Amino acid sequence: MTMPAQRSRTTKASPDRVWKVWSDTSTWPDWNPDVQSVELSGPFQTGARGEMTTKSGGRHDIVIDDVQAGRTFTVDSTGVPTVHLRFKCEVVPEGSGARISQAVSMRGGLSFLFQPMMSGRIADSFPALLDGLAAYAEKETPAS
């Protein structure tokens, strides 16, 4: 596996609130500018399988992995032939809010070729989705 490319930002939303939004894949199209839909076969937990459709029309098989509730998870996705993309999503407390991060790494036969060409470009799309996640988590308040 090659080294990940990562982007982060802070939010005023609490880590619990960010986690609630991020772990609810039905919200992803509301705040992620690249996602049209996500269908999971079951609850959001390690091993959940599904399909993500991007707004550009791509369909990708996904697996939710390494879930540490309230903290981190990964999304393994099909990418270009023989390359699997692994997105690590993380939320940690910071001040009165949270720091949210997403990283991408690649594995598979041609990852040595695609990682240098694509990882930075993929990571450059993360600020828009992290901004969307932060704004959604900040504006949506849980029922009291």
Protein backbone atom coordinates (compact mmCIF):
# COMPACT_ATOMS: atom_id res chain seq x y z
CA MET A 1 0.00 0.00 0.00
CA THR A 2 1.26 3.46 -0.84
CA MET A 3 1.27 6.53 1.40
CA PRO A 4 -1.99 8.46 1.66
CA ALA A 5 -2.67 12.01 0.51
CA GLN A 6 -4.75 13.83 3.15
CA ARG A 7 -6.69 17.05 3.69
CA SER A 8 -8.19 18.35 6.96
CA ARG A 9 -10.23 21.23 8.32
CA THR A 10 -11.81 22.32 11.57
CA THR A 11 -15.49 22.77 12.28
CA LYS A 12 -17.54 24.31 15.07
CA ALA A 13 -19.69 21.15 15.11
CA SER A 14 -19.03 18.66 17.88
CA PRO A 15 -17.24 15.41 17.03
CA ASP A 16 -20.46 13.51 17.91
CA ARG A 17 -22.49 15.64 15.51
CA VAL A 18 -19.95 15.23 12.70
CA TRP A 19 -19.89 11.47 13.27
CA LYS A 20 -23.69 11.29 13.20
CA VAL A 21 -23.73 12.96 9.77
CA TRP A 22 -20.68 11.20 8.32
CA SER A 23 -21.82 7.73 9.37
CA ASP A 24 -25.29 8.27 7.84
CA THR A 25 -24.61 7.59 4.17
CA SER A 26 -28.11 8.80 3.23
CA THR A 27 -26.85 12.35 3.94
CA TRP A 28 -23.79 12.12 1.70
CA PRO A 29 -25.52 13.50 -1.42
CA ASP A 30 -26.67 16.50 0.66
CA TRP A 31 -23.16 17.72 1.46
CA ASN A 32 -20.66 15.84 -0.73
CA PRO A 33 -20.47 17.57 -4.14
CA ASP A 34 -19.31 14.35 -5.84
CA VAL A 35 -21.90 11.86 -4.51
CA GLN A 36 -25.28 11.26 -6.10
CA SER A 37 -26.28 8.25 -3.99
CA VAL A 38 -25.00 5.57 -1.63
CA GLU A 39 -26.74 2.27 -1.00
CA LEU A 40 -25.47 0.00 1.77
CA SER A 41 -26.55 -3.60 2.29
CA GLY A 42 -26.97 -3.08 6.02
CA PRO A 43 -26.04 -0.83 8.91
CA PHE A 44 -22.96 1.38 8.86
CA GLN A 45 -20.41 -1.00 10.36
CA THR A 46 -17.22 -2.80 9.45
CA GLY A 47 -17.92 -5.09 6.51
CA ALA A 48 -20.99 -3.24 5.18
CA ARG A 49 -21.04 -3.43 1.39
CA GLY A 50 -22.77 -1.23 -1.10
CA GLU A 51 -22.59 0.95 -4.15
CA MET A 52 -21.86 4.63 -4.55
CA THR A 53 -22.95 6.58 -7.61
CA THR A 54 -21.07 9.77 -8.36
CA LYS A 55 -22.56 12.87 -9.93
CA SER A 56 -20.28 12.25 -12.92
CA GLY A 57 -22.15 8.98 -13.48
CA GLY A 58 -19.60 6.53 -12.11
CA ARG A 59 -20.75 3.52 -10.09
CA HIS A 60 -18.34 2.10 -7.53
CA ASP A 61 -18.60 -0.93 -5.29
CA ILE A 62 -17.73 0.11 -1.75
CA VAL A 63 -16.95 -1.60 1.54
CA ILE A 64 -17.07 0.19 4.89
CA ASP A 65 -14.11 -0.97 6.97
CA ASP A 66 -12.20 -0.27 10.18
CA VAL A 67 -15.14 1.47 11.88
CA GLN A 68 -14.25 2.92 15.27
CA ALA A 69 -17.57 4.50 16.23
CA GLY A 70 -17.36 8.22 16.82
CA ARG A 71 -13.81 8.42 15.49
CA THR A 72 -12.83 6.86 12.15
CA PHE A 73 -13.79 4.58 9.27
CA THR A 74 -12.54 3.71 5.82
CA VAL A 75 -14.31 3.33 2.51
CA ASP A 76 -12.70 0.86 0.13
CA SER A 77 -13.72 1.50 -3.44
CA THR A 78 -13.12 0.17 -6.88
CA GLY A 79 -11.10 2.60 -8.92
CA VAL A 80 -9.23 2.17 -12.13
CA PRO A 81 -8.56 -1.44 -13.21
CA THR A 82 -6.42 -3.39 -10.70
CA VAL A 83 -6.38 -0.43 -8.27
CA HIS A 84 -8.46 -0.15 -5.11
CA LEU A 85 -8.94 3.23 -3.51
CA ARG A 86 -9.03 3.44 0.28
CA PHE A 87 -10.48 6.58 1.83
CA LYS A 88 -9.79 7.07 5.53
CA CYS A 89 -12.26 9.39 7.24
CA GLU A 90 -11.53 10.71 10.72
CA VAL A 91 -13.02 13.10 13.25
CA VAL A 92 -11.21 14.17 16.42
CA PRO A 93 -12.06 16.73 19.09
CA GLU A 94 -10.37 20.09 18.66
CA GLY A 95 -11.19 23.00 20.93
CA SER A 96 -14.97 23.36 21.16
CA GLY A 97 -15.42 21.65 17.80
CA ALA A 98 -13.68 19.01 15.73
CA ARG A 99 -11.00 18.40 13.15
CA ILE A 100 -12.22 16.36 10.20
CA SER A 101 -9.83 14.65 7.82
CA GLN A 102 -9.98 12.49 4.75
CA ALA A 103 -7.07 10.65 3.17
CA VAL A 104 -6.75 8.48 0.08
CA SER A 105 -4.34 5.65 -0.57
CA MET A 106 -4.19 3.06 -3.30
CA ARG A 107 -3.39 -0.62 -3.41
CA GLY A 108 -3.29 -3.23 -6.10
CA GLY A 109 -1.27 -4.14 -9.14
CA LEU A 110 -0.90 -0.73 -10.75
CA SER A 111 -1.09 1.44 -7.64
CA PHE A 112 2.63 2.22 -7.96
CA LEU A 113 1.80 3.89 -11.28
CA PHE A 114 -1.49 5.61 -10.42
CA GLN A 115 -0.65 6.81 -6.88
CA PRO A 116 1.83 9.51 -7.99
CA MET A 117 -0.46 10.64 -10.82
CA MET A 118 -3.82 10.61 -9.06
CA SER A 119 -3.61 10.80 -5.26
CA GLY A 120 -2.90 14.53 -5.08
CA ARG A 121 -5.65 15.30 -7.57
CA ILE A 122 -8.13 13.15 -5.65
CA ALA A 123 -7.09 14.75 -2.35
CA ASP A 124 -7.57 18.20 -3.90
CA SER A 125 -11.30 17.37 -4.12
CA PHE A 126 -11.47 16.77 -0.34
CA PRO A 127 -11.72 20.42 0.82
CA ALA A 128 -15.08 20.83 -0.94
CA LEU A 129 -16.54 17.72 0.68
CA LEU A 130 -15.04 18.55 4.09
CA ASP A 131 -16.47 22.08 3.81
CA GLY A 132 -19.84 20.57 2.90
CA LEU A 133 -19.71 18.13 5.80
CA ALA A 134 -18.75 20.89 8.24
CA ALA A 135 -21.49 23.24 7.03
CA TYR A 136 -24.12 20.46 7.16
CA ALA A 137 -23.06 19.38 10.65
CA GLU A 138 -23.00 22.98 11.87
CA LYS A 139 -26.45 23.90 10.53
CA GLU A 140 -28.25 20.70 11.43
CA THR A 141 -28.88 20.51 15.13
CA PRO A 142 -29.89 17.25 16.78
CA ALA A 143 -33.32 17.10 18.47
CA SER A 144 -33.08 17.84 22.16
